[in-house]
Amino acid sequence: MLTRRRAGEGKVRVGFSLPAQVQADRASVCGEFTQWGPGKPMKRGKDGRWQVSVALETGRSYRFRYLLDGSRWENDWAADDYVPNPFGEDDSVVKL
């Protein structure tokens, strides 16, 4: 699930979250805004949801995916769009 809040100076703070039902010991969000590197680690809240927020530049779209336990890729079920990637799967997209 995605949420958006103004962060000032041409930025939007995007909240990324996964439901409590996601079975994982670790989760992170990876994408164009992390150069698909290690990603932003997500924290499990008291309600069991995984969450993290990232300040991103407005006026563009970003591809992203969730990395679970360092090996499983998941898309966001409420992404703004999905686009094919070079690995034969889809990436989630957030539009700002």
N, C-alpha and C. Protein backbone atom coordinates (compact mmCIF):
# COMPACT_ATOMS: atom_id res chain seq x y z
N MET A 1 0.85 -1.17 0.00
CA MET A 1 0.00 0.00 0.00
C MET A 1 0.89 1.24 0.00
N LEU A 2 0.45 2.25 -0.70
CA LEU A 2 1.20 3.50 -0.81
C LEU A 2 0.43 4.65 -0.19
N THR A 3 1.13 5.52 0.51
CA THR A 3 0.56 6.77 0.99
C THR A 3 1.49 7.89 0.56
N ARG A 4 0.95 9.10 0.48
CA ARG A 4 1.76 10.25 0.05
C ARG A 4 1.49 11.44 0.96
N ARG A 5 2.58 12.15 1.31
CA ARG A 5 2.50 13.38 2.10
C ARG A 5 3.50 14.36 1.53
N ARG A 6 3.12 15.61 1.44
CA ARG A 6 4.07 16.63 0.98
C ARG A 6 5.25 16.69 1.93
N ALA A 7 6.44 16.81 1.34
CA ALA A 7 7.65 16.89 2.15
C ALA A 7 8.37 18.22 1.92
N GLY A 8 7.78 19.10 1.12
CA GLY A 8 8.39 20.39 0.84
C GLY A 8 9.49 20.31 -0.20
N GLU A 9 9.84 21.47 -0.76
CA GLU A 9 10.93 21.60 -1.73
C GLU A 9 10.87 20.59 -2.87
N GLY A 10 9.68 20.41 -3.46
CA GLY A 10 9.55 19.53 -4.62
C GLY A 10 9.63 18.05 -4.30
N LYS A 11 9.39 17.70 -3.04
CA LYS A 11 9.46 16.30 -2.62
C LYS A 11 8.12 15.84 -2.04
N VAL A 12 7.91 14.54 -2.14
CA VAL A 12 6.75 13.90 -1.52
C VAL A 12 7.28 12.75 -0.68
N ARG A 13 6.78 12.62 0.55
CA ARG A 13 7.16 11.49 1.39
C ARG A 13 6.18 10.36 1.08
N VAL A 14 6.72 9.29 0.50
CA VAL A 14 5.90 8.14 0.12
C VAL A 14 6.05 7.07 1.20
N GLY A 15 4.90 6.63 1.72
CA GLY A 15 4.88 5.54 2.68
C GLY A 15 4.64 4.23 1.95
N PHE A 16 5.53 3.29 2.15
CA PHE A 16 5.40 1.96 1.57
C PHE A 16 5.04 1.01 2.71
N SER A 17 4.03 0.16 2.51
CA SER A 17 3.69 -0.79 3.57
C SER A 17 3.19 -2.10 2.99
N LEU A 18 3.45 -3.14 3.74
CA LEU A 18 3.00 -4.49 3.41
C LEU A 18 2.12 -4.98 4.55
N PRO A 19 1.07 -5.75 4.25
CA PRO A 19 0.16 -6.20 5.30
C PRO A 19 0.82 -7.19 6.27
N ALA A 20 0.22 -7.31 7.43
CA ALA A 20 0.74 -8.20 8.47
C ALA A 20 0.79 -9.65 8.02
N GLN A 21 -0.03 -10.03 7.06
CA GLN A 21 -0.08 -11.41 6.59
C GLN A 21 1.15 -11.84 5.81
N VAL A 22 1.99 -10.88 5.40
CA VAL A 22 3.20 -11.20 4.65
C VAL A 22 4.14 -11.99 5.56
N GLN A 23 4.49 -13.17 5.12
CA GLN A 23 5.38 -14.04 5.89
C GLN A 23 6.83 -13.74 5.53
N ALA A 24 7.52 -13.03 6.41
CA ALA A 24 8.93 -12.70 6.17
C ALA A 24 9.57 -12.31 7.50
N ASP A 25 10.87 -12.54 7.58
CA ASP A 25 11.64 -12.10 8.74
C ASP A 25 12.29 -10.74 8.49
N ARG A 26 12.49 -10.41 7.19
CA ARG A 26 13.07 -9.12 6.80
C ARG A 26 12.34 -8.63 5.56
N ALA A 27 12.23 -7.32 5.44
CA ALA A 27 11.61 -6.73 4.25
C ALA A 27 12.29 -5.39 3.97
N SER A 28 12.41 -5.08 2.68
CA SER A 28 12.94 -3.77 2.28
C SER A 28 12.26 -3.37 0.98
N VAL A 29 12.28 -2.07 0.70
CA VAL A 29 11.76 -1.59 -0.58
C VAL A 29 12.96 -1.18 -1.42
N CYS A 30 13.00 -1.70 -2.64
CA CYS A 30 14.10 -1.43 -3.57
C CYS A 30 13.51 -0.84 -4.84
N GLY A 31 14.27 0.00 -5.50
CA GLY A 31 13.76 0.56 -6.75
C GLY A 31 14.72 1.53 -7.37
N GLU A 32 14.19 2.28 -8.32
CA GLU A 32 15.02 3.27 -9.01
C GLU A 32 15.60 4.27 -8.02
N PHE A 33 14.89 4.56 -6.95
CA PHE A 33 15.36 5.55 -5.97
C PHE A 33 16.45 4.98 -5.06
N THR A 34 16.75 3.68 -5.14
CA THR A 34 17.88 3.08 -4.42
C THR A 34 18.87 2.46 -5.40
N GLN A 35 18.72 2.75 -6.68
CA GLN A 35 19.52 2.15 -7.74
C GLN A 35 19.45 0.62 -7.65
N TRP A 36 18.30 0.13 -7.20
CA TRP A 36 18.04 -1.31 -7.07
C TRP A 36 19.05 -2.00 -6.16
N GLY A 37 19.71 -1.19 -5.33
CA GLY A 37 20.68 -1.76 -4.38
C GLY A 37 19.99 -2.34 -3.17
N PRO A 38 20.68 -2.34 -2.03
CA PRO A 38 20.16 -2.99 -0.83
C PRO A 38 18.76 -2.52 -0.42
N GLY A 39 18.38 -1.35 -0.81
CA GLY A 39 17.04 -0.87 -0.51
C GLY A 39 16.91 -0.22 0.85
N LYS A 40 15.70 0.20 1.13
CA LYS A 40 15.37 0.83 2.42
C LYS A 40 14.74 -0.24 3.30
N PRO A 41 15.38 -0.59 4.42
CA PRO A 41 14.81 -1.60 5.32
C PRO A 41 13.46 -1.14 5.87
N MET A 42 12.54 -2.07 5.93
CA MET A 42 11.22 -1.79 6.48
C MET A 42 11.17 -2.31 7.92
N LYS A 43 10.36 -1.66 8.74
CA LYS A 43 10.19 -2.08 10.13
C LYS A 43 8.79 -2.64 10.32
N ARG A 44 8.70 -3.69 11.13
CA ARG A 44 7.41 -4.29 11.42
C ARG A 44 6.80 -3.53 12.59
N GLY A 45 5.59 -3.02 12.38
CA GLY A 45 4.90 -2.27 13.43
C GLY A 45 4.21 -3.19 14.42
N LYS A 46 3.66 -2.60 15.46
CA LYS A 46 2.93 -3.37 16.48
C LYS A 46 1.75 -4.12 15.89
N ASP A 47 1.18 -3.58 14.80
CA ASP A 47 0.05 -4.23 14.15
C ASP A 47 0.49 -5.31 13.16
N GLY A 48 1.81 -5.51 13.02
CA GLY A 48 2.34 -6.55 12.15
C GLY A 48 2.68 -6.10 10.74
N ARG A 49 2.24 -4.88 10.37
CA ARG A 49 2.54 -4.38 9.02
C ARG A 49 4.01 -3.97 8.92
N TRP A 50 4.58 -4.19 7.74
CA TRP A 50 5.92 -3.70 7.42
C TRP A 50 5.79 -2.30 6.84
N GLN A 51 6.64 -1.34 7.29
CA GLN A 51 6.49 0.04 6.83
C GLN A 51 7.84 0.75 6.71
N VAL A 52 7.89 1.67 5.76
CA VAL A 52 9.01 2.60 5.64
C VAL A 52 8.52 3.78 4.80
N SER A 53 9.10 4.95 5.01
CA SER A 53 8.76 6.09 4.15
C SER A 53 10.03 6.65 3.53
N VAL A 54 9.88 7.17 2.31
CA VAL A 54 11.00 7.66 1.52
C VAL A 54 10.59 8.98 0.88
N ALA A 55 11.44 10.00 0.98
CA ALA A 55 11.18 11.28 0.31
C ALA A 55 11.64 11.18 -1.14
N LEU A 56 10.72 11.41 -2.06
CA LEU A 56 11.01 11.30 -3.50
C LEU A 56 10.63 12.58 -4.21
N GLU A 57 11.31 12.84 -5.31
CA GLU A 57 11.06 14.03 -6.13
C GLU A 57 9.70 13.94 -6.81
N THR A 58 8.96 15.05 -6.79
CA THR A 58 7.66 15.09 -7.46
C THR A 58 7.84 15.19 -8.98
N GLY A 59 6.76 14.93 -9.71
CA GLY A 59 6.77 15.11 -11.16
C GLY A 59 7.35 13.96 -11.94
N ARG A 60 7.53 12.81 -11.30
CA ARG A 60 8.04 11.66 -12.04
C ARG A 60 7.48 10.37 -11.47
N SER A 61 7.78 9.27 -12.12
CA SER A 61 7.36 7.94 -11.68
C SER A 61 8.59 7.13 -11.30
N TYR A 62 8.41 6.21 -10.37
CA TYR A 62 9.51 5.37 -9.90
C TYR A 62 9.07 3.91 -9.91
N ARG A 63 9.92 3.04 -10.47
CA ARG A 63 9.72 1.59 -10.38
C ARG A 63 10.23 1.13 -9.02
N PHE A 64 9.56 0.13 -8.46
CA PHE A 64 10.02 -0.43 -7.18
C PHE A 64 9.44 -1.82 -6.97
N ARG A 65 10.02 -2.54 -6.04
CA ARG A 65 9.51 -3.85 -5.59
C ARG A 65 9.94 -4.04 -4.14
N TYR A 66 9.27 -4.96 -3.48
CA TYR A 66 9.64 -5.32 -2.12
C TYR A 66 10.52 -6.57 -2.16
N LEU A 67 11.59 -6.57 -1.37
CA LEU A 67 12.48 -7.72 -1.26
C LEU A 67 12.28 -8.33 0.12
N LEU A 68 11.82 -9.58 0.14
CA LEU A 68 11.53 -10.27 1.40
C LEU A 68 12.60 -11.31 1.68
N ASP A 69 13.13 -11.29 2.87
CA ASP A 69 14.14 -12.25 3.33
C ASP A 69 15.34 -12.33 2.39
N GLY A 70 15.63 -11.25 1.69
CA GLY A 70 16.81 -11.19 0.84
C GLY A 70 16.74 -11.98 -0.44
N SER A 71 15.58 -12.62 -0.73
CA SER A 71 15.53 -13.45 -1.94
C SER A 71 14.18 -13.47 -2.67
N ARG A 72 13.11 -13.07 -2.03
CA ARG A 72 11.78 -13.11 -2.67
C ARG A 72 11.34 -11.71 -3.05
N TRP A 73 10.97 -11.53 -4.31
CA TRP A 73 10.49 -10.24 -4.79
C TRP A 73 8.97 -10.24 -4.79
N GLU A 74 8.37 -9.15 -4.31
CA GLU A 74 6.91 -8.97 -4.31
C GLU A 74 6.60 -7.59 -4.85
N ASN A 75 5.47 -7.49 -5.53
CA ASN A 75 4.97 -6.20 -5.98
C ASN A 75 4.01 -5.62 -4.95
N ASP A 76 3.73 -4.35 -5.08
CA ASP A 76 2.74 -3.70 -4.24
C ASP A 76 1.37 -3.90 -4.89
N TRP A 77 0.45 -4.47 -4.14
CA TRP A 77 -0.87 -4.80 -4.68
C TRP A 77 -1.71 -3.56 -4.97
N ALA A 78 -1.27 -2.40 -4.50
CA ALA A 78 -2.02 -1.17 -4.74
C ALA A 78 -1.17 -0.14 -5.48
N ALA A 79 -0.20 -0.60 -6.28
CA ALA A 79 0.67 0.31 -7.03
C ALA A 79 -0.14 1.10 -8.05
N ASP A 80 0.41 2.22 -8.49
CA ASP A 80 -0.27 3.05 -9.49
C ASP A 80 -0.25 2.39 -10.86
N ASP A 81 0.75 1.55 -11.10
CA ASP A 81 0.87 0.89 -12.41
C ASP A 81 1.87 -0.26 -12.25
N TYR A 82 1.98 -1.08 -13.27
CA TYR A 82 2.95 -2.17 -13.32
C TYR A 82 3.57 -2.16 -14.70
N VAL A 83 4.89 -2.34 -14.76
CA VAL A 83 5.58 -2.37 -16.05
C VAL A 83 6.52 -3.57 -16.08
N PRO A 84 6.66 -4.19 -17.26
CA PRO A 84 7.56 -5.35 -17.37
C PRO A 84 9.01 -4.95 -17.11
N ASN A 85 9.74 -5.88 -16.49
CA ASN A 85 11.17 -5.66 -16.29
C ASN A 85 11.96 -6.66 -17.14
N PRO A 86 13.27 -6.53 -17.23
CA PRO A 86 14.08 -7.41 -18.08
C PRO A 86 14.15 -8.86 -17.60
N PHE A 87 13.59 -9.16 -16.43
CA PHE A 87 13.67 -10.50 -15.86
C PHE A 87 12.39 -11.30 -16.08
N GLY A 88 11.50 -10.79 -16.95
CA GLY A 88 10.27 -11.50 -17.26
C GLY A 88 9.18 -11.35 -16.23
N GLU A 89 9.33 -10.39 -15.32
CA GLU A 89 8.32 -10.11 -14.30
C GLU A 89 7.88 -8.66 -14.46
N ASP A 90 7.07 -8.19 -13.53
CA ASP A 90 6.63 -6.79 -13.54
C ASP A 90 7.22 -6.07 -12.35
N ASP A 91 7.44 -4.76 -12.51
CA ASP A 91 7.80 -3.88 -11.40
C ASP A 91 6.58 -3.06 -11.05
N SER A 92 6.43 -2.73 -9.78
CA SER A 92 5.41 -1.80 -9.34
C SER A 92 5.86 -0.39 -9.70
N VAL A 93 4.91 0.53 -9.86
CA VAL A 93 5.22 1.92 -10.18
C VAL A 93 4.43 2.83 -9.25
N VAL A 94 5.12 3.85 -8.70
CA VAL A 94 4.46 4.92 -7.97
C VAL A 94 4.63 6.18 -8.80
N LYS A 95 3.51 6.88 -9.03
CA LYS A 95 3.52 8.13 -9.83
C LYS A 95 3.33 9.31 -8.89
N LEU A 96 4.25 10.27 -9.01
CA LEU A 96 4.20 11.46 -8.16
C LEU A 96 3.95 12.67 -9.01
